[in-house]
Amino acid sequence: MSQEPIRYGVIGLGRAGWDIHVAGLRNRPDAKIVAVADPVADRRNEAASAFGCKTYSKIGQLLTNPDVEVAVIATPSALHGPDSKRAFKAGKHVVVEKPASSSRASS
């Protein structure tokens, strides 16, 4: 019995996004990168070429994509908390590195 791969959206294609998250997902038969979001056009274009995925310049655009099951938050650390909240509110499963927030009040 074959299972469909889990569909990921990677948010942030900097060092952590590419070198950690994308590297960990790219050759897995149980994972598929279906969307990415990054403000840098060259990074989006590279992802589109590598994965044939949808690309967005803003996180909100990616979070409305119904094909994304899991949002990988690889934005700058200060945005992890707010970006994770947005993804949860959009109904996505979330993968986020530490720190998830900078204080108890923001978590």
PDB file of N, CA and C in Angstrom:
ATOM      1  N   MET A   1       0.848  -1.172   0.000  1.00  0.00           N
ATOM      2  CA  MET A   1       0.000   0.000   0.000  1.00  0.00           C
ATOM      3  C   MET A   1       0.894   1.236   0.000  1.00  0.00           C
ATOM      4  N   SER A   2       0.674   2.118  -0.943  1.00  0.00           N
ATOM      5  CA  SER A   2       1.464   3.347  -0.986  1.00  0.00           C
ATOM      6  C   SER A   2       0.691   4.481  -0.329  1.00  0.00           C
ATOM      7  N   GLN A   3       1.424   5.337   0.322  1.00  0.00           N
ATOM      8  CA  GLN A   3       0.834   6.515   0.943  1.00  0.00           C
ATOM      9  C   GLN A   3       1.302   7.750   0.209  1.00  0.00           C
ATOM     10  N   GLU A   4       0.413   8.726   0.144  1.00  0.00           N
ATOM     11  CA  GLU A   4       0.787  10.004  -0.441  1.00  0.00           C
ATOM     12  C   GLU A   4       1.773  10.701   0.489  1.00  0.00           C
ATOM     13  N   PRO A   5       2.734  11.439  -0.056  1.00  0.00           N
ATOM     14  CA  PRO A   5       3.674  12.172   0.805  1.00  0.00           C
ATOM     15  C   PRO A   5       2.970  13.314   1.536  1.00  0.00           C
ATOM     16  N   ILE A   6       3.506  13.658   2.678  1.00  0.00           N
ATOM     17  CA  ILE A   6       3.028  14.821   3.419  1.00  0.00           C
ATOM     18  C   ILE A   6       3.461  16.056   2.647  1.00  0.00           C
ATOM     19  N   ARG A   7       2.564  17.031   2.517  1.00  0.00           N
ATOM     20  CA  ARG A   7       2.821  18.223   1.698  1.00  0.00           C
ATOM     21  C   ARG A   7       3.239  19.394   2.587  1.00  0.00           C
ATOM     22  N   TYR A   8       4.448  19.896   2.344  1.00  0.00           N
ATOM     23  CA  TYR A   8       5.053  20.942   3.156  1.00  0.00           C
ATOM     24  C   TYR A   8       5.090  22.277   2.429  1.00  0.00           C
ATOM     25  N   GLY A   9       4.974  23.338   3.221  1.00  0.00           N
ATOM     26  CA  GLY A   9       5.242  24.690   2.766  1.00  0.00           C
ATOM     27  C   GLY A   9       6.361  25.242   3.633  1.00  0.00           C
ATOM     28  N   VAL A  10       7.447  25.648   3.016  1.00  0.00           N
ATOM     29  CA  VAL A  10       8.604  26.170   3.760  1.00  0.00           C
ATOM     30  C   VAL A  10       8.537  27.691   3.722  1.00  0.00           C
ATOM     31  N   ILE A  11       8.528  28.283   4.902  1.00  0.00           N
ATOM     32  CA  ILE A  11       8.414  29.736   5.026  1.00  0.00           C
ATOM     33  C   ILE A  11       9.763  30.280   5.488  1.00  0.00           C
ATOM     34  N   GLY A  12      10.477  30.891   4.578  1.00  0.00           N
ATOM     35  CA  GLY A  12      11.819  31.404   4.848  1.00  0.00           C
ATOM     36  C   GLY A  12      12.853  30.499   4.208  1.00  0.00           C
ATOM     37  N   LEU A  13      13.574  31.002   3.226  1.00  0.00           N
ATOM     38  CA  LEU A  13      14.556  30.200   2.500  1.00  0.00           C
ATOM     39  C   LEU A  13      15.980  30.688   2.710  1.00  0.00           C
ATOM     40  N   GLY A  14      16.255  31.197   3.893  1.00  0.00           N
ATOM     41  CA  GLY A  14      17.617  31.581   4.252  1.00  0.00           C
ATOM     42  C   GLY A  14      18.414  30.352   4.659  1.00  0.00           C
ATOM     43  N   ARG A  15      19.423  30.559   5.500  1.00  0.00           N
ATOM     44  CA  ARG A  15      20.303  29.464   5.916  1.00  0.00           C
ATOM     45  C   ARG A  15      19.525  28.293   6.513  1.00  0.00           C
ATOM     46  N   ALA A  16      18.692  28.538   7.501  1.00  0.00           N
ATOM     47  CA  ALA A  16      17.946  27.447   8.141  1.00  0.00           C
ATOM     48  C   ALA A  16      16.933  26.830   7.188  1.00  0.00           C
ATOM     49  N   GLY A  17      16.277  27.667   6.409  1.00  0.00           N
ATOM     50  CA  GLY A  17      15.283  27.158   5.476  1.00  0.00           C
ATOM     51  C   GLY A  17      15.881  26.186   4.473  1.00  0.00           C
ATOM     52  N   TRP A  18      16.966  26.607   3.799  1.00  0.00           N
ATOM     53  CA  TRP A  18      17.595  25.747   2.784  1.00  0.00           C
ATOM     54  C   TRP A  18      18.454  24.655   3.391  1.00  0.00           C
ATOM     55  N   ASP A  19      19.374  25.049   4.270  1.00  0.00           N
ATOM     56  CA  ASP A  19      20.401  24.110   4.731  1.00  0.00           C
ATOM     57  C   ASP A  19      19.918  23.116   5.770  1.00  0.00           C
ATOM     58  N   ILE A  20      18.831  23.411   6.444  1.00  0.00           N
ATOM     59  CA  ILE A  20      18.314  22.487   7.456  1.00  0.00           C
ATOM     60  C   ILE A  20      17.005  21.860   6.973  1.00  0.00           C
ATOM     61  N   HIS A  21      15.986  22.682   6.778  1.00  0.00           N
ATOM     62  CA  HIS A  21      14.657  22.151   6.500  1.00  0.00           C
ATOM     63  C   HIS A  21      14.517  21.584   5.093  1.00  0.00           C
ATOM     64  N   VAL A  22      14.868  22.351   4.084  1.00  0.00           N
ATOM     65  CA  VAL A  22      14.769  21.839   2.718  1.00  0.00           C
ATOM     66  C   VAL A  22      15.695  20.640   2.541  1.00  0.00           C
ATOM     67  N   ALA A  23      16.905  20.725   3.071  1.00  0.00           N
ATOM     68  CA  ALA A  23      17.848  19.603   2.949  1.00  0.00           C
ATOM     69  C   ALA A  23      17.286  18.334   3.577  1.00  0.00           C
ATOM     70  N   GLY A  24      16.563  18.488   4.688  1.00  0.00           N
ATOM     71  CA  GLY A  24      15.989  17.327   5.350  1.00  0.00           C
ATOM     72  C   GLY A  24      14.769  16.746   4.654  1.00  0.00           C
ATOM     73  N   LEU A  25      14.101  17.547   3.847  1.00  0.00           N
ATOM     74  CA  LEU A  25      12.883  17.101   3.174  1.00  0.00           C
ATOM     75  C   LEU A  25      13.087  16.673   1.736  1.00  0.00           C
ATOM     76  N   ARG A  26      14.093  17.195   1.084  1.00  0.00           N
ATOM     77  CA  ARG A  26      14.162  17.118  -0.380  1.00  0.00           C
ATOM     78  C   ARG A  26      14.217  15.712  -0.962  1.00  0.00           C
ATOM     79  N   ASN A  27      14.816  14.769  -0.346  1.00  0.00           N
ATOM     80  CA  ASN A  27      14.917  13.426  -0.939  1.00  0.00           C
ATOM     81  C   ASN A  27      14.085  12.382  -0.212  1.00  0.00           C
ATOM     82  N   ARG A  28      13.154  12.810   0.590  1.00  0.00           N
ATOM     83  CA  ARG A  28      12.307  11.871   1.335  1.00  0.00           C
ATOM     84  C   ARG A  28      11.104  11.465   0.492  1.00  0.00           C
ATOM     85  N   PRO A  29      10.845  10.180   0.378  1.00  0.00           N
ATOM     86  CA  PRO A  29       9.681   9.742  -0.387  1.00  0.00           C
ATOM     87  C   PRO A  29       8.355  10.057   0.313  1.00  0.00           C
ATOM     88  N   ASP A  30       8.418  10.324   1.619  1.00  0.00           N
ATOM     89  CA  ASP A  30       7.197  10.606   2.380  1.00  0.00           C
ATOM     90  C   ASP A  30       6.947  12.102   2.554  1.00  0.00           C
ATOM     91  N   ALA A  31       7.697  12.938   1.844  1.00  0.00           N
ATOM     92  CA  ALA A  31       7.566  14.395   1.960  1.00  0.00           C
ATOM     93  C   ALA A  31       7.621  15.033   0.580  1.00  0.00           C
ATOM     94  N   LYS A  32       6.842  16.104   0.430  1.00  0.00           N
ATOM     95  CA  LYS A  32       6.866  16.859  -0.824  1.00  0.00           C
ATOM     96  C   LYS A  32       6.755  18.344  -0.492  1.00  0.00           C
ATOM     97  N   ILE A  33       7.678  19.139  -0.996  1.00  0.00           N
ATOM     98  CA  ILE A  33       7.612  20.591  -0.834  1.00  0.00           C
ATOM     99  C   ILE A  33       6.700  21.116  -1.940  1.00  0.00           C
ATOM    100  N   VAL A  34       5.525  21.601  -1.538  1.00  0.00           N
ATOM    101  CA  VAL A  34       4.536  22.064  -2.512  1.00  0.00           C
ATOM    102  C   VAL A  34       4.476  23.577  -2.620  1.00  0.00           C
ATOM    103  N   ALA A  35       5.083  24.274  -1.626  1.00  0.00           N
ATOM    104  CA  ALA A  35       5.048  25.739  -1.646  1.00  0.00           C
ATOM    105  C   ALA A  35       6.179  26.286  -0.792  1.00  0.00           C
ATOM    106  N   VAL A  36       6.633  27.478  -1.154  1.00  0.00           N
ATOM    107  CA  VAL A  36       7.622  28.208  -0.360  1.00  0.00           C
ATOM    108  C   VAL A  36       7.215  29.672  -0.314  1.00  0.00           C
ATOM    109  N   ALA A  37       7.662  30.339   0.746  1.00  0.00           N
ATOM    110  CA  ALA A  37       7.451  31.784   0.847  1.00  0.00           C
ATOM    111  C   ALA A  37       8.751  32.429   1.288  1.00  0.00           C
ATOM    112  N   ASP A  38       9.139  33.459   0.575  1.00  0.00           N
ATOM    113  CA  ASP A  38      10.349  34.215   0.909  1.00  0.00           C
ATOM    114  C   ASP A  38      10.270  35.545   0.171  1.00  0.00           C
ATOM    115  N   PRO A  39      10.744  36.621   0.797  1.00  0.00           N
ATOM    116  CA  PRO A  39      10.695  37.911   0.106  1.00  0.00           C
ATOM    117  C   PRO A  39      11.717  38.058  -1.026  1.00  0.00           C
ATOM    118  N   VAL A  40      12.699  37.170  -1.087  1.00  0.00           N
ATOM    119  CA  VAL A  40      13.771  37.275  -2.086  1.00  0.00           C
ATOM    120  C   VAL A  40      13.407  36.442  -3.324  1.00  0.00           C
ATOM    121  N   ALA A  41      13.234  37.121  -4.449  1.00  0.00           N
ATOM    122  CA  ALA A  41      12.799  36.463  -5.686  1.00  0.00           C
ATOM    123  C   ALA A  41      13.748  35.359  -6.143  1.00  0.00           C
ATOM    124  N   ASP A  42      15.059  35.561  -6.029  1.00  0.00           N
ATOM    125  CA  ASP A  42      16.014  34.537  -6.461  1.00  0.00           C
ATOM    126  C   ASP A  42      15.837  33.238  -5.682  1.00  0.00           C
ATOM    127  N   ARG A  43      15.568  33.350  -4.398  1.00  0.00           N
ATOM    128  CA  ARG A  43      15.345  32.154  -3.578  1.00  0.00           C
ATOM    129  C   ARG A  43      14.063  31.441  -4.019  1.00  0.00           C
ATOM    130  N   ARG A  44      13.022  32.207  -4.260  1.00  0.00           N
ATOM    131  CA  ARG A  44      11.763  31.603  -4.718  1.00  0.00           C
ATOM    132  C   ARG A  44      11.962  30.907  -6.063  1.00  0.00           C
ATOM    133  N   ASN A  45      12.670  31.551  -6.962  1.00  0.00           N
ATOM    134  CA  ASN A  45      12.900  30.972  -8.287  1.00  0.00           C
ATOM    135  C   ASN A  45      13.702  29.683  -8.204  1.00  0.00           C
ATOM    136  N   GLU A  46      14.692  29.651  -7.327  1.00  0.00           N
ATOM    137  CA  GLU A  46      15.487  28.440  -7.147  1.00  0.00           C
ATOM    138  C   GLU A  46      14.616  27.297  -6.633  1.00  0.00           C
ATOM    139  N   ALA A  47      13.736  27.582  -5.685  1.00  0.00           N
ATOM    140  CA  ALA A  47      12.832  26.562  -5.148  1.00  0.00           C
ATOM    141  C   ALA A  47      11.860  26.075  -6.215  1.00  0.00           C
ATOM    142  N   ALA A  48      11.321  26.988  -6.999  1.00  0.00           N
ATOM    143  CA  ALA A  48      10.394  26.602  -8.065  1.00  0.00           C
ATOM    144  C   ALA A  48      11.077  25.679  -9.063  1.00  0.00           C
ATOM    145  N   SER A  49      12.322  25.990  -9.387  1.00  0.00           N
ATOM    146  CA  SER A  49      13.083  25.166 -10.318  1.00  0.00           C
ATOM    147  C   SER A  49      13.385  23.793  -9.727  1.00  0.00           C
ATOM    148  N   ALA A  50      13.744  23.751  -8.457  1.00  0.00           N
ATOM    149  CA  ALA A  50      14.125  22.495  -7.809  1.00  0.00           C
ATOM    150  C   ALA A  50      12.938  21.583  -7.516  1.00  0.00           C
ATOM    151  N   PHE A  51      11.790  22.173  -7.156  1.00  0.00           N
ATOM    152  CA  PHE A  51      10.666  21.364  -6.671  1.00  0.00           C
ATOM    153  C   PHE A  51       9.390  21.486  -7.488  1.00  0.00           C
ATOM    154  N   GLY A  52       9.344  22.417  -8.427  1.00  0.00           N
ATOM    155  CA  GLY A  52       8.116  22.634  -9.175  1.00  0.00           C
ATOM    156  C   GLY A  52       6.976  23.081  -8.272  1.00  0.00           C
ATOM    157  N   CYS A  53       7.331  23.820  -7.223  1.00  0.00           N
ATOM    158  CA  CYS A  53       6.352  24.224  -6.210  1.00  0.00           C
ATOM    159  C   CYS A  53       5.812  25.624  -6.477  1.00  0.00           C
ATOM    160  N   LYS A  54       4.731  25.936  -5.788  1.00  0.00           N
ATOM    161  CA  LYS A  54       4.192  27.301  -5.802  1.00  0.00           C
ATOM    162  C   LYS A  54       5.133  28.176  -4.986  1.00  0.00           C
ATOM    163  N   THR A  55       5.221  29.450  -5.363  1.00  0.00           N
ATOM    164  CA  THR A  55       6.074  30.369  -4.615  1.00  0.00           C
ATOM    165  C   THR A  55       5.289  31.625  -4.261  1.00  0.00           C
ATOM    166  N   TYR A  56       5.619  32.168  -3.100  1.00  0.00           N
ATOM    167  CA  TYR A  56       4.934  33.359  -2.602  1.00  0.00           C
ATOM    168  C   TYR A  56       5.954  34.298  -1.972  1.00  0.00           C
ATOM    169  N   SER A  57       5.682  35.575  -2.063  1.00  0.00           N
ATOM    170  CA  SER A  57       6.572  36.556  -1.433  1.00  0.00           C
ATOM    171  C   SER A  57       6.176  36.821   0.021  1.00  0.00           C
ATOM    172  N   LYS A  58       4.958  36.405   0.412  1.00  0.00           N
ATOM    173  CA  LYS A  58       4.469  36.665   1.764  1.00  0.00           C
ATOM    174  C   LYS A  58       3.897  35.400   2.388  1.00  0.00           C
ATOM    175  N   ILE A  59       4.090  35.274   3.697  1.00  0.00           N
ATOM    176  CA  ILE A  59       3.626  34.109   4.443  1.00  0.00           C
ATOM    177  C   ILE A  59       2.119  33.914   4.319  1.00  0.00           C
ATOM    178  N   GLY A  60       1.366  34.998   4.379  1.00  0.00           N
ATOM    179  CA  GLY A  60      -0.085  34.896   4.314  1.00  0.00           C
ATOM    180  C   GLY A  60      -0.576  34.240   3.046  1.00  0.00           C
ATOM    181  N   GLN A  61       0.125  34.478   1.941  1.00  0.00           N
ATOM    182  CA  GLN A  61      -0.247  33.875   0.667  1.00  0.00           C
ATOM    183  C   GLN A  61      -0.068  32.356   0.725  1.00  0.00           C
ATOM    184  N   LEU A  62       1.045  31.917   1.283  1.00  0.00           N
ATOM    185  CA  LEU A  62       1.300  30.484   1.396  1.00  0.00           C
ATOM    186  C   LEU A  62       0.268  29.825   2.307  1.00  0.00           C
ATOM    187  N   LEU A  63      -0.075  30.491   3.397  1.00  0.00           N
ATOM    188  CA  LEU A  63      -0.983  29.891   4.371  1.00  0.00           C
ATOM    189  C   LEU A  63      -2.395  29.698   3.842  1.00  0.00           C
ATOM    190  N   THR A  64      -2.754  30.364   2.757  1.00  0.00           N
ATOM    191  CA  THR A  64      -4.072  30.151   2.157  1.00  0.00           C
ATOM    192  C   THR A  64      -4.077  29.003   1.150  1.00  0.00           C
ATOM    193  N   ASN A  65      -2.919  28.444   0.862  1.00  0.00           N
ATOM    194  CA  ASN A  65      -2.819  27.347  -0.094  1.00  0.00           C
ATOM    195  C   ASN A  65      -3.330  26.059   0.568  1.00  0.00           C
ATOM    196  N   PRO A  66      -4.434  25.493   0.075  1.00  0.00           N
ATOM    197  CA  PRO A  66      -4.985  24.292   0.709  1.00  0.00           C
ATOM    198  C   PRO A  66      -4.122  23.047   0.532  1.00  0.00           C
ATOM    199  N   ASP A  67      -3.168  23.074  -0.402  1.00  0.00           N
ATOM    200  CA  ASP A  67      -2.288  21.925  -0.597  1.00  0.00           C
ATOM    201  C   ASP A  67      -1.244  21.792   0.506  1.00  0.00           C
ATOM    202  N   VAL A  68      -0.971  22.871   1.233  1.00  0.00           N
ATOM    203  CA  VAL A  68       0.032  22.843   2.300  1.00  0.00           C
ATOM    204  C   VAL A  68      -0.597  22.232   3.550  1.00  0.00           C
ATOM    205  N   GLU A  69      -0.049  21.102   3.973  1.00  0.00           N
ATOM    206  CA  GLU A  69      -0.497  20.453   5.208  1.00  0.00           C
ATOM    207  C   GLU A  69       0.333  20.907   6.406  1.00  0.00           C
ATOM    208  N   VAL A  70       1.636  21.051   6.177  1.00  0.00           N
ATOM    209  CA  VAL A  70       2.566  21.403   7.250  1.00  0.00           C
ATOM    210  C   VAL A  70       3.323  22.662   6.853  1.00  0.00           C
ATOM    211  N   ALA A  71       3.295  23.653   7.734  1.00  0.00           N
ATOM    212  CA  ALA A  71       4.070  24.882   7.519  1.00  0.00           C
ATOM    213  C   ALA A  71       5.360  24.779   8.306  1.00  0.00           C
ATOM    214  N   VAL A  72       6.476  24.893   7.603  1.00  0.00           N
ATOM    215  CA  VAL A  72       7.790  24.894   8.244  1.00  0.00           C
ATOM    216  C   VAL A  72       8.195  26.349   8.423  1.00  0.00           C
ATOM    217  N   ILE A  73       8.327  26.772   9.668  1.00  0.00           N
ATOM    218  CA  ILE A  73       8.662  28.157   9.974  1.00  0.00           C
ATOM    219  C   ILE A  73      10.180  28.286  10.061  1.00  0.00           C
ATOM    220  N   ALA A  74      10.779  28.914   9.056  1.00  0.00           N
ATOM    221  CA  ALA A  74      12.231  29.110   9.003  1.00  0.00           C
ATOM    222  C   ALA A  74      12.544  30.590   8.797  1.00  0.00           C
ATOM    223  N   THR A  75      11.693  31.427   9.348  1.00  0.00           N
ATOM    224  CA  THR A  75      11.883  32.874   9.298  1.00  0.00           C
ATOM    225  C   THR A  75      12.865  33.289  10.383  1.00  0.00           C
ATOM    226  N   PRO A  76      13.266  34.559  10.436  1.00  0.00           N
ATOM    227  CA  PRO A  76      14.141  34.992  11.520  1.00  0.00           C
ATOM    228  C   PRO A  76      13.525  34.674  12.895  1.00  0.00           C
ATOM    229  N   SER A  77      14.374  34.367  13.870  1.00  0.00           N
ATOM    230  CA  SER A  77      13.938  33.908  15.195  1.00  0.00           C
ATOM    231  C   SER A  77      12.875  34.792  15.826  1.00  0.00           C
ATOM    232  N   ALA A  78      12.983  36.097  15.673  1.00  0.00           N
ATOM    233  CA  ALA A  78      12.023  37.011  16.293  1.00  0.00           C
ATOM    234  C   ALA A  78      10.615  36.844  15.730  1.00  0.00           C
ATOM    235  N   LEU A  79      10.494  36.216  14.566  1.00  0.00           N
ATOM    236  CA  LEU A  79       9.193  36.020  13.928  1.00  0.00           C
ATOM    237  C   LEU A  79       8.611  34.626  14.160  1.00  0.00           C
ATOM    238  N   HIS A  80       9.355  33.747  14.800  1.00  0.00           N
ATOM    239  CA  HIS A  80       8.884  32.372  14.978  1.00  0.00           C
ATOM    240  C   HIS A  80       7.537  32.307  15.691  1.00  0.00           C
ATOM    241  N   GLY A  81       7.389  33.033  16.785  1.00  0.00           N
ATOM    242  CA  GLY A  81       6.133  33.019  17.533  1.00  0.00           C
ATOM    243  C   GLY A  81       4.967  33.525  16.706  1.00  0.00           C
ATOM    244  N   PRO A  82       5.045  34.759  16.200  1.00  0.00           N
ATOM    245  CA  PRO A  82       3.930  35.286  15.408  1.00  0.00           C
ATOM    246  C   PRO A  82       3.638  34.468  14.142  1.00  0.00           C
ATOM    247  N   ASP A  83       4.685  34.002  13.460  1.00  0.00           N
ATOM    248  CA  ASP A  83       4.463  33.222  12.239  1.00  0.00           C
ATOM    249  C   ASP A  83       3.844  31.862  12.553  1.00  0.00           C
ATOM    250  N   SER A  84       4.248  31.255  13.664  1.00  0.00           N
ATOM    251  CA  SER A  84       3.647  29.981  14.072  1.00  0.00           C
ATOM    252  C   SER A  84       2.172  30.166  14.392  1.00  0.00           C
ATOM    253  N   LYS A  85       1.839  31.228  15.100  1.00  0.00           N
ATOM    254  CA  LYS A  85       0.435  31.500  15.425  1.00  0.00           C
ATOM    255  C   LYS A  85      -0.397  31.661  14.159  1.00  0.00           C
ATOM    256  N   ARG A  86       0.132  32.386  13.198  1.00  0.00           N
ATOM    257  CA  ARG A  86      -0.588  32.576  11.931  1.00  0.00           C
ATOM    258  C   ARG A  86      -0.839  31.236  11.239  1.00  0.00           C
ATOM    259  N   ALA A  87       0.182  30.380  11.255  1.00  0.00           N
ATOM    260  CA  ALA A  87       0.046  29.079  10.602  1.00  0.00           C
ATOM    261  C   ALA A  87      -0.976  28.205  11.330  1.00  0.00           C
ATOM    262  N   PHE A  88      -0.945  28.200  12.645  1.00  0.00           N
ATOM    263  CA  PHE A  88      -1.938  27.430  13.403  1.00  0.00           C
ATOM    264  C   PHE A  88      -3.345  27.946  13.120  1.00  0.00           C
ATOM    265  N   LYS A  89      -3.498  29.265  13.107  1.00  0.00           N
ATOM    266  CA  LYS A  89      -4.821  29.855  12.835  1.00  0.00           C
ATOM    267  C   LYS A  89      -5.309  29.519  11.432  1.00  0.00           C
ATOM    268  N   ALA A  90      -4.377  29.283  10.519  1.00  0.00           N
ATOM    269  CA  ALA A  90      -4.738  28.901   9.151  1.00  0.00           C
ATOM    270  C   ALA A  90      -5.041  27.399   9.050  1.00  0.00           C
ATOM    271  N   GLY A  91      -4.944  26.688  10.164  1.00  0.00           N
ATOM    272  CA  GLY A  91      -5.257  25.263  10.179  1.00  0.00           C
ATOM    273  C   GLY A  91      -4.126  24.354   9.747  1.00  0.00           C
ATOM    274  N   LYS A  92      -2.903  24.862   9.773  1.00  0.00           N
ATOM    275  CA  LYS A  92      -1.760  24.054   9.349  1.00  0.00           C
ATOM    276  C   LYS A  92      -1.102  23.368  10.557  1.00  0.00           C
ATOM    277  N   HIS A  93      -0.490  22.234  10.309  1.00  0.00           N
ATOM    278  CA  HIS A  93       0.438  21.665  11.273  1.00  0.00           C
ATOM    279  C   HIS A  93       1.692  22.523  11.163  1.00  0.00           C
ATOM    280  N   VAL A  94       2.486  22.610  12.230  1.00  0.00           N
ATOM    281  CA  VAL A  94       3.617  23.533  12.238  1.00  0.00           C
ATOM    282  C   VAL A  94       4.881  22.845  12.724  1.00  0.00           C
ATOM    283  N   VAL A  95       5.973  23.089  11.993  1.00  0.00           N
ATOM    284  CA  VAL A  95       7.319  22.728  12.429  1.00  0.00           C
ATOM    285  C   VAL A  95       8.041  24.047  12.643  1.00  0.00           C
ATOM    286  N   VAL A  96       8.556  24.248  13.858  1.00  0.00           N
ATOM    287  CA  VAL A  96       9.275  25.491  14.165  1.00  0.00           C
ATOM    288  C   VAL A  96      10.438  25.167  15.088  1.00  0.00           C
ATOM    289  N   GLU A  97      11.570  25.799  14.813  1.00  0.00           N
ATOM    290  CA  GLU A  97      12.729  25.665  15.691  1.00  0.00           C
ATOM    291  C   GLU A  97      12.567  26.598  16.873  1.00  0.00           C
ATOM    292  N   LYS A  98      13.414  26.408  17.828  1.00  0.00           N
ATOM    293  CA  LYS A  98      13.442  27.378  18.919  1.00  0.00           C
ATOM    294  C   LYS A  98      14.026  28.668  18.395  1.00  0.00           C
ATOM    295  N   PRO A  99      13.749  29.807  18.929  1.00  0.00           N
ATOM    296  CA  PRO A  99      12.735  30.021  19.963  1.00  0.00           C
ATOM    297  C   PRO A  99      11.355  30.191  19.338  1.00  0.00           C
ATOM    298  N   ALA A 100      10.370  29.580  19.984  1.00  0.00           N
ATOM    299  CA  ALA A 100       9.002  29.730  19.503  1.00  0.00           C
ATOM    300  C   ALA A 100       8.434  31.074  19.926  1.00  0.00           C
ATOM    301  N   SER A 101       9.013  31.675  20.952  1.00  0.00           N
ATOM    302  CA  SER A 101       8.611  33.024  21.372  1.00  0.00           C
ATOM    303  C   SER A 101       9.750  33.636  22.157  1.00  0.00           C
ATOM    304  N   SER A 102       9.691  34.951  22.343  1.00  0.00           N
ATOM    305  CA  SER A 102      10.758  35.636  23.085  1.00  0.00           C
ATOM    306  C   SER A 102      10.371  35.911  24.534  1.00  0.00           C
ATOM    307  N   SER A 103       9.116  35.638  24.877  1.00  0.00           N
ATOM    308  CA  SER A 103       8.669  35.785  26.262  1.00  0.00           C
ATOM    309  C   SER A 103       7.427  34.937  26.489  1.00  0.00           C
ATOM    310  N   ARG A 104       7.089  34.707  27.730  1.00  0.00           N
ATOM    311  CA  ARG A 104       5.879  33.939  28.030  1.00  0.00           C
ATOM    312  C   ARG A 104       4.643  34.689  27.548  1.00  0.00           C
ATOM    313  N   ALA A 105       4.702  36.010  27.592  1.00  0.00           N
ATOM    314  CA  ALA A 105       3.543  36.815  27.192  1.00  0.00           C
ATOM    315  C   ALA A 105       3.230  36.650  25.713  1.00  0.00           C
ATOM    316  N   SER A 106       4.230  36.388  24.874  1.00  0.00           N
ATOM    317  CA  SER A 106       3.974  36.280  23.444  1.00  0.00           C
ATOM    318  C   SER A 106       3.704  34.850  22.999  1.00  0.00           C
ATOM    319  N   SER A 107       3.703  33.923  23.912  1.00  0.00           N
ATOM    320  CA  SER A 107       3.476  32.523  23.508  1.00  0.00           C
ATOM    321  C   SER A 107       2.028  32.121  23.636  1.00  0.00           C
TER     322      SER A 107
END
